[in-house]
Amino acid sequence: MAGVYINRADPLLRRASDKGYRIGWKHKYNFERGHFDEEMTYGEAKKKAEELQAKEPDKVFWPEMIMDPKFEM
């Protein structure tokens, strides 16, 4: 069954003031991935991802848009 998701921000424009982003991460060598639950703006998420990348070179961090599931019955 396919799901329907609603984006919290505009997927085509990434303005620094847009809300609805979090930090996603992936381990470079192991098969691990995840995200942090804290919601922030795109500018804050991008800056924090760069800081985390400098601290942990064995992982990759990026700003990730939060998508909410839409349930209809």
PDB file of N, CA and C in Angstrom:
ATOM      1  N   MET A   1       0.842  -1.172   0.000  1.00  0.00           N
ATOM      2  CA  MET A   1       0.000   0.000   0.000  1.00  0.00           C
ATOM      3  C   MET A   1       0.887   1.234   0.000  1.00  0.00           C
ATOM      4  N   ALA A   2       0.649   2.120  -0.898  1.00  0.00           N
ATOM      5  CA  ALA A   2       1.424   3.359  -0.992  1.00  0.00           C
ATOM      6  C   ALA A   2       0.868   4.386  -0.015  1.00  0.00           C
ATOM      7  N   GLY A   3       1.753   5.225   0.468  1.00  0.00           N
ATOM      8  CA  GLY A   3       1.339   6.267   1.393  1.00  0.00           C
ATOM      9  C   GLY A   3       1.401   7.635   0.754  1.00  0.00           C
ATOM     10  N   VAL A   4       0.723   8.563   1.374  1.00  0.00           N
ATOM     11  CA  VAL A   4       0.734   9.940   0.920  1.00  0.00           C
ATOM     12  C   VAL A   4       1.414  10.761   2.011  1.00  0.00           C
ATOM     13  N   TYR A   5       2.379  11.587   1.617  1.00  0.00           N
ATOM     14  CA  TYR A   5       3.107  12.402   2.568  1.00  0.00           C
ATOM     15  C   TYR A   5       2.996  13.871   2.202  1.00  0.00           C
ATOM     16  N   ILE A   6       2.970  14.717   3.213  1.00  0.00           N
ATOM     17  CA  ILE A   6       2.898  16.164   3.028  1.00  0.00           C
ATOM     18  C   ILE A   6       4.215  16.766   3.496  1.00  0.00           C
ATOM     19  N   ASN A   7       4.839  17.569   2.644  1.00  0.00           N
ATOM     20  CA  ASN A   7       6.090  18.234   2.989  1.00  0.00           C
ATOM     21  C   ASN A   7       5.812  19.397   3.937  1.00  0.00           C
ATOM     22  N   ARG A   8       6.701  19.601   4.899  1.00  0.00           N
ATOM     23  CA  ARG A   8       6.556  20.740   5.805  1.00  0.00           C
ATOM     24  C   ARG A   8       7.119  22.022   5.210  1.00  0.00           C
ATOM     25  N   ALA A   9       7.868  21.929   4.127  1.00  0.00           N
ATOM     26  CA  ALA A   9       8.448  23.096   3.470  1.00  0.00           C
ATOM     27  C   ALA A   9       8.312  22.928   1.961  1.00  0.00           C
ATOM     28  N   ASP A  10       8.654  23.962   1.228  1.00  0.00           N
ATOM     29  CA  ASP A  10       8.601  23.911  -0.228  1.00  0.00           C
ATOM     30  C   ASP A  10       9.782  23.085  -0.738  1.00  0.00           C
ATOM     31  N   PRO A  11       9.529  21.979  -1.456  1.00  0.00           N
ATOM     32  CA  PRO A  11      10.636  21.125  -1.893  1.00  0.00           C
ATOM     33  C   PRO A  11      11.481  21.730  -3.017  1.00  0.00           C
ATOM     34  N   LEU A  12      10.988  22.759  -3.693  1.00  0.00           N
ATOM     35  CA  LEU A  12      11.740  23.335  -4.802  1.00  0.00           C
ATOM     36  C   LEU A  12      12.623  24.505  -4.380  1.00  0.00           C
ATOM     37  N   LEU A  13      12.257  25.197  -3.318  1.00  0.00           N
ATOM     38  CA  LEU A  13      13.041  26.331  -2.828  1.00  0.00           C
ATOM     39  C   LEU A  13      13.596  26.015  -1.453  1.00  0.00           C
ATOM     40  N   ARG A  14      14.845  26.321  -1.250  1.00  0.00           N
ATOM     41  CA  ARG A  14      15.467  26.093   0.065  1.00  0.00           C
ATOM     42  C   ARG A  14      15.970  27.425   0.592  1.00  0.00           C
ATOM     43  N   ARG A  15      15.082  28.197   1.171  1.00  0.00           N
ATOM     44  CA  ARG A  15      15.461  29.466   1.776  1.00  0.00           C
ATOM     45  C   ARG A  15      15.934  29.200   3.192  1.00  0.00           C
ATOM     46  N   ALA A  16      16.873  29.992   3.668  1.00  0.00           N
ATOM     47  CA  ALA A  16      17.443  29.796   5.008  1.00  0.00           C
ATOM     48  C   ALA A  16      16.393  29.939   6.099  1.00  0.00           C
ATOM     49  N   SER A  17      15.327  30.677   5.847  1.00  0.00           N
ATOM     50  CA  SER A  17      14.304  30.908   6.869  1.00  0.00           C
ATOM     51  C   SER A  17      13.171  29.879   6.840  1.00  0.00           C
ATOM     52  N   ASP A  18      13.182  28.942   5.910  1.00  0.00           N
ATOM     53  CA  ASP A  18      12.119  27.934   5.815  1.00  0.00           C
ATOM     54  C   ASP A  18      12.188  26.959   6.982  1.00  0.00           C
ATOM     55  N   LYS A  19      11.050  26.760   7.641  1.00  0.00           N
ATOM     56  CA  LYS A  19      10.970  25.811   8.753  1.00  0.00           C
ATOM     57  C   LYS A  19      10.605  24.431   8.229  1.00  0.00           C
ATOM     58  N   GLY A  20      10.830  23.408   9.038  1.00  0.00           N
ATOM     59  CA  GLY A  20      10.434  22.053   8.673  1.00  0.00           C
ATOM     60  C   GLY A  20      11.583  21.158   8.251  1.00  0.00           C
ATOM     61  N   TYR A  21      12.783  21.415   8.751  1.00  0.00           N
ATOM     62  CA  TYR A  21      13.955  20.598   8.404  1.00  0.00           C
ATOM     63  C   TYR A  21      14.557  19.976   9.655  1.00  0.00           C
ATOM     64  N   ARG A  22      15.287  18.906   9.464  1.00  0.00           N
ATOM     65  CA  ARG A  22      16.041  18.231  10.521  1.00  0.00           C
ATOM     66  C   ARG A  22      17.358  17.757   9.918  1.00  0.00           C
ATOM     67  N   ILE A  23      18.220  17.185  10.740  1.00  0.00           N
ATOM     68  CA  ILE A  23      19.516  16.694  10.283  1.00  0.00           C
ATOM     69  C   ILE A  23      19.398  15.193  10.001  1.00  0.00           C
ATOM     70  N   GLY A  24      19.735  14.798   8.785  1.00  0.00           N
ATOM     71  CA  GLY A  24      19.831  13.389   8.433  1.00  0.00           C
ATOM     72  C   GLY A  24      21.303  12.988   8.410  1.00  0.00           C
ATOM     73  N   TRP A  25      21.582  11.722   8.702  1.00  0.00           N
ATOM     74  CA  TRP A  25      22.973  11.271   8.689  1.00  0.00           C
ATOM     75  C   TRP A  25      23.072   9.849   8.160  1.00  0.00           C
ATOM     76  N   LYS A  26      24.270   9.521   7.662  1.00  0.00           N
ATOM     77  CA  LYS A  26      24.565   8.178   7.150  1.00  0.00           C
ATOM     78  C   LYS A  26      26.021   7.877   7.460  1.00  0.00           C
ATOM     79  N   HIS A  27      26.283   6.681   7.933  1.00  0.00           N
ATOM     80  CA  HIS A  27      27.653   6.247   8.186  1.00  0.00           C
ATOM     81  C   HIS A  27      28.283   5.887   6.845  1.00  0.00           C
ATOM     82  N   LYS A  28      29.512   6.322   6.614  1.00  0.00           N
ATOM     83  CA  LYS A  28      30.150   6.105   5.313  1.00  0.00           C
ATOM     84  C   LYS A  28      30.477   4.641   5.040  1.00  0.00           C
ATOM     85  N   TYR A  29      30.821   3.889   6.065  1.00  0.00           N
ATOM     86  CA  TYR A  29      31.329   2.531   5.844  1.00  0.00           C
ATOM     87  C   TYR A  29      30.382   1.448   6.332  1.00  0.00           C
ATOM     88  N   ASN A  30      29.618   1.702   7.353  1.00  0.00           N
ATOM     89  CA  ASN A  30      28.650   0.729   7.852  1.00  0.00           C
ATOM     90  C   ASN A  30      27.282   1.035   7.247  1.00  0.00           C
ATOM     91  N   PHE A  31      26.368   0.114   7.368  1.00  0.00           N
ATOM     92  CA  PHE A  31      25.024   0.307   6.841  1.00  0.00           C
ATOM     93  C   PHE A  31      24.129   0.885   7.924  1.00  0.00           C
ATOM     94  N   GLU A  32      24.475   2.065   8.399  1.00  0.00           N
ATOM     95  CA  GLU A  32      23.697   2.746   9.419  1.00  0.00           C
ATOM     96  C   GLU A  32      23.257   4.094   8.884  1.00  0.00           C
ATOM     97  N   ARG A  33      22.040   4.468   9.232  1.00  0.00           N
ATOM     98  CA  ARG A  33      21.549   5.791   8.877  1.00  0.00           C
ATOM     99  C   ARG A  33      20.457   6.191   9.851  1.00  0.00           C
ATOM    100  N   GLY A  34      20.171   7.476   9.883  1.00  0.00           N
ATOM    101  CA  GLY A  34      19.147   7.956  10.791  1.00  0.00           C
ATOM    102  C   GLY A  34      18.962   9.451  10.662  1.00  0.00           C
ATOM    103  N   HIS A  35      18.286  10.023  11.643  1.00  0.00           N
ATOM    104  CA  HIS A  35      18.066  11.465  11.661  1.00  0.00           C
ATOM    105  C   HIS A  35      17.854  11.906  13.099  1.00  0.00           C
ATOM    106  N   PHE A  36      18.075  13.195  13.331  1.00  0.00           N
ATOM    107  CA  PHE A  36      17.802  13.794  14.624  1.00  0.00           C
ATOM    108  C   PHE A  36      16.370  14.322  14.598  1.00  0.00           C
ATOM    109  N   ASP A  37      15.686  14.297  15.733  1.00  0.00           N
ATOM    110  CA  ASP A  37      14.278  14.669  15.782  1.00  0.00           C
ATOM    111  C   ASP A  37      14.034  16.166  15.922  1.00  0.00           C
ATOM    112  N   GLU A  38      15.062  16.940  16.186  1.00  0.00           N
ATOM    113  CA  GLU A  38      14.895  18.377  16.399  1.00  0.00           C
ATOM    114  C   GLU A  38      14.507  19.080  15.098  1.00  0.00           C
ATOM    115  N   GLU A  39      13.406  19.842  15.125  1.00  0.00           N
ATOM    116  CA  GLU A  39      12.983  20.605  13.948  1.00  0.00           C
ATOM    117  C   GLU A  39      13.633  21.979  13.976  1.00  0.00           C
ATOM    118  N   MET A  40      14.107  22.430  12.806  1.00  0.00           N
ATOM    119  CA  MET A  40      14.770  23.730  12.694  1.00  0.00           C
ATOM    120  C   MET A  40      14.576  24.289  11.300  1.00  0.00           C
ATOM    121  N   THR A  41      15.101  25.491  11.067  1.00  0.00           N
ATOM    122  CA  THR A  41      15.029  26.084   9.733  1.00  0.00           C
ATOM    123  C   THR A  41      16.118  25.470   8.860  1.00  0.00           C
ATOM    124  N   TYR A  42      16.014  25.712   7.548  1.00  0.00           N
ATOM    125  CA  TYR A  42      16.995  25.162   6.625  1.00  0.00           C
ATOM    126  C   TYR A  42      18.390  25.726   6.905  1.00  0.00           C
ATOM    127  N   GLY A  43      18.476  27.013   7.186  1.00  0.00           N
ATOM    128  CA  GLY A  43      19.766  27.634   7.472  1.00  0.00           C
ATOM    129  C   GLY A  43      20.413  27.053   8.721  1.00  0.00           C
ATOM    130  N   GLU A  44      19.621  26.857   9.777  1.00  0.00           N
ATOM    131  CA  GLU A  44      20.151  26.261  11.008  1.00  0.00           C
ATOM    132  C   GLU A  44      20.587  24.820  10.771  1.00  0.00           C
ATOM    133  N   ALA A  45      19.776  24.061  10.036  1.00  0.00           N
ATOM    134  CA  ALA A  45      20.099  22.658   9.769  1.00  0.00           C
ATOM    135  C   ALA A  45      21.364  22.535   8.929  1.00  0.00           C
ATOM    136  N   LYS A  46      21.526  23.399   7.949  1.00  0.00           N
ATOM    137  CA  LYS A  46      22.718  23.353   7.096  1.00  0.00           C
ATOM    138  C   LYS A  46      23.969  23.680   7.901  1.00  0.00           C
ATOM    139  N   LYS A  47      23.889  24.685   8.758  1.00  0.00           N
ATOM    140  CA  LYS A  47      25.040  25.077   9.580  1.00  0.00           C
ATOM    141  C   LYS A  47      25.413  23.972  10.575  1.00  0.00           C
ATOM    142  N   LYS A  48      24.391  23.383  11.218  1.00  0.00           N
ATOM    143  CA  LYS A  48      24.650  22.319  12.187  1.00  0.00           C
ATOM    144  C   LYS A  48      25.197  21.068  11.489  1.00  0.00           C
ATOM    145  N   ALA A  49      24.724  20.770  10.280  1.00  0.00           N
ATOM    146  CA  ALA A  49      25.229  19.617   9.524  1.00  0.00           C
ATOM    147  C   ALA A  49      26.707  19.805   9.194  1.00  0.00           C
ATOM    148  N   GLU A  50      27.100  21.029   8.847  1.00  0.00           N
ATOM    149  CA  GLU A  50      28.509  21.303   8.570  1.00  0.00           C
ATOM    150  C   GLU A  50      29.363  21.147   9.822  1.00  0.00           C
ATOM    151  N   GLU A  51      28.851  21.590  10.973  1.00  0.00           N
ATOM    152  CA  GLU A  51      29.586  21.441  12.234  1.00  0.00           C
ATOM    153  C   GLU A  51      29.748  19.973  12.609  1.00  0.00           C
ATOM    154  N   LEU A  52      28.678  19.190  12.465  1.00  0.00           N
ATOM    155  CA  LEU A  52      28.742  17.770  12.788  1.00  0.00           C
ATOM    156  C   LEU A  52      29.670  17.022  11.833  1.00  0.00           C
ATOM    157  N   GLN A  53      29.690  17.422  10.564  1.00  0.00           N
ATOM    158  CA  GLN A  53      30.572  16.790   9.579  1.00  0.00           C
ATOM    159  C   GLN A  53      32.032  16.996   9.949  1.00  0.00           C
ATOM    160  N   ALA A  54      32.363  18.193  10.460  1.00  0.00           N
ATOM    161  CA  ALA A  54      33.736  18.481  10.864  1.00  0.00           C
ATOM    162  C   ALA A  54      34.143  17.664  12.090  1.00  0.00           C
ATOM    163  N   LYS A  55      33.183  17.390  12.988  1.00  0.00           N
ATOM    164  CA  LYS A  55      33.472  16.632  14.216  1.00  0.00           C
ATOM    165  C   LYS A  55      33.550  15.130  13.966  1.00  0.00           C
ATOM    166  N   GLU A  56      32.716  14.629  13.053  1.00  0.00           N
ATOM    167  CA  GLU A  56      32.637  13.183  12.799  1.00  0.00           C
ATOM    168  C   GLU A  56      32.869  12.906  11.315  1.00  0.00           C
ATOM    169  N   PRO A  57      34.123  12.752  10.885  1.00  0.00           N
ATOM    170  CA  PRO A  57      34.408  12.551   9.450  1.00  0.00           C
ATOM    171  C   PRO A  57      33.974  11.192   8.896  1.00  0.00           C
ATOM    172  N   ASP A  58      33.626  10.232   9.756  1.00  0.00           N
ATOM    173  CA  ASP A  58      33.200   8.925   9.257  1.00  0.00           C
ATOM    174  C   ASP A  58      31.704   8.872   8.955  1.00  0.00           C
ATOM    175  N   LYS A  59      30.992   9.993   9.127  1.00  0.00           N
ATOM    176  CA  LYS A  59      29.569  10.078   8.802  1.00  0.00           C
ATOM    177  C   LYS A  59      29.340  11.234   7.844  1.00  0.00           C
ATOM    178  N   VAL A  60      28.195  11.201   7.166  1.00  0.00           N
ATOM    179  CA  VAL A  60      27.777  12.280   6.280  1.00  0.00           C
ATOM    180  C   VAL A  60      26.487  12.858   6.852  1.00  0.00           C
ATOM    181  N   PHE A  61      26.403  14.185   6.957  1.00  0.00           N
ATOM    182  CA  PHE A  61      25.237  14.866   7.500  1.00  0.00           C
ATOM    183  C   PHE A  61      24.667  15.814   6.454  1.00  0.00           C
ATOM    184  N   TRP A  62      23.332  15.981   6.440  1.00  0.00           N
ATOM    185  CA  TRP A  62      22.692  16.892   5.502  1.00  0.00           C
ATOM    186  C   TRP A  62      21.379  17.396   6.102  1.00  0.00           C
ATOM    187  N   PRO A  63      20.897  18.575   5.636  1.00  0.00           N
ATOM    188  CA  PRO A  63      19.567  19.036   6.038  1.00  0.00           C
ATOM    189  C   PRO A  63      18.509  18.222   5.297  1.00  0.00           C
ATOM    190  N   GLU A  64      17.552  17.713   6.034  1.00  0.00           N
ATOM    191  CA  GLU A  64      16.535  16.824   5.468  1.00  0.00           C
ATOM    192  C   GLU A  64      15.149  17.403   5.761  1.00  0.00           C
ATOM    193  N   MET A  65      14.308  17.471   4.742  1.00  0.00           N
ATOM    194  CA  MET A  65      12.959  17.985   4.944  1.00  0.00           C
ATOM    195  C   MET A  65      12.106  16.947   5.672  1.00  0.00           C
ATOM    196  N   ILE A  66      11.304  17.411   6.606  1.00  0.00           N
ATOM    197  CA  ILE A  66      10.413  16.525   7.349  1.00  0.00           C
ATOM    198  C   ILE A  66       9.140  16.342   6.525  1.00  0.00           C
ATOM    199  N   MET A  67       8.718  15.102   6.394  1.00  0.00           N
ATOM    200  CA  MET A  67       7.488  14.779   5.664  1.00  0.00           C
ATOM    201  C   MET A  67       6.533  14.076   6.611  1.00  0.00           C
ATOM    202  N   ASP A  68       5.297  14.568   6.684  1.00  0.00           N
ATOM    203  CA  ASP A  68       4.281  14.005   7.564  1.00  0.00           C
ATOM    204  C   ASP A  68       3.342  13.114   6.764  1.00  0.00           C
ATOM    205  N   PRO A  69       3.000  11.926   7.308  1.00  0.00           N
ATOM    206  CA  PRO A  69       2.041  11.062   6.587  1.00  0.00           C
ATOM    207  C   PRO A  69       0.629  11.641   6.664  1.00  0.00           C
ATOM    208  N   LYS A  70      -0.094  11.485   5.597  1.00  0.00           N
ATOM    209  CA  LYS A  70      -1.483  11.952   5.541  1.00  0.00           C
ATOM    210  C   LYS A  70      -2.369  10.714   5.470  1.00  0.00           C
ATOM    211  N   PHE A  71      -3.186  10.544   6.477  1.00  0.00           N
ATOM    212  CA  PHE A  71      -4.073   9.373   6.537  1.00  0.00           C
ATOM    213  C   PHE A  71      -5.496   9.784   6.180  1.00  0.00           C
ATOM    214  N   GLU A  72      -6.075   9.090   5.223  1.00  0.00           N
ATOM    215  CA  GLU A  72      -7.473   9.312   4.864  1.00  0.00           C
ATOM    216  C   GLU A  72      -8.191   7.978   4.940  1.00  0.00           C
ATOM    217  N   MET A  73      -9.355   8.016   5.491  1.00  0.00           N
ATOM    218  CA  MET A  73     -10.133   6.788   5.597  1.00  0.00           C
ATOM    219  C   MET A  73     -11.518   7.017   5.095  1.00  0.00           C
TER     220      MET A  73
END
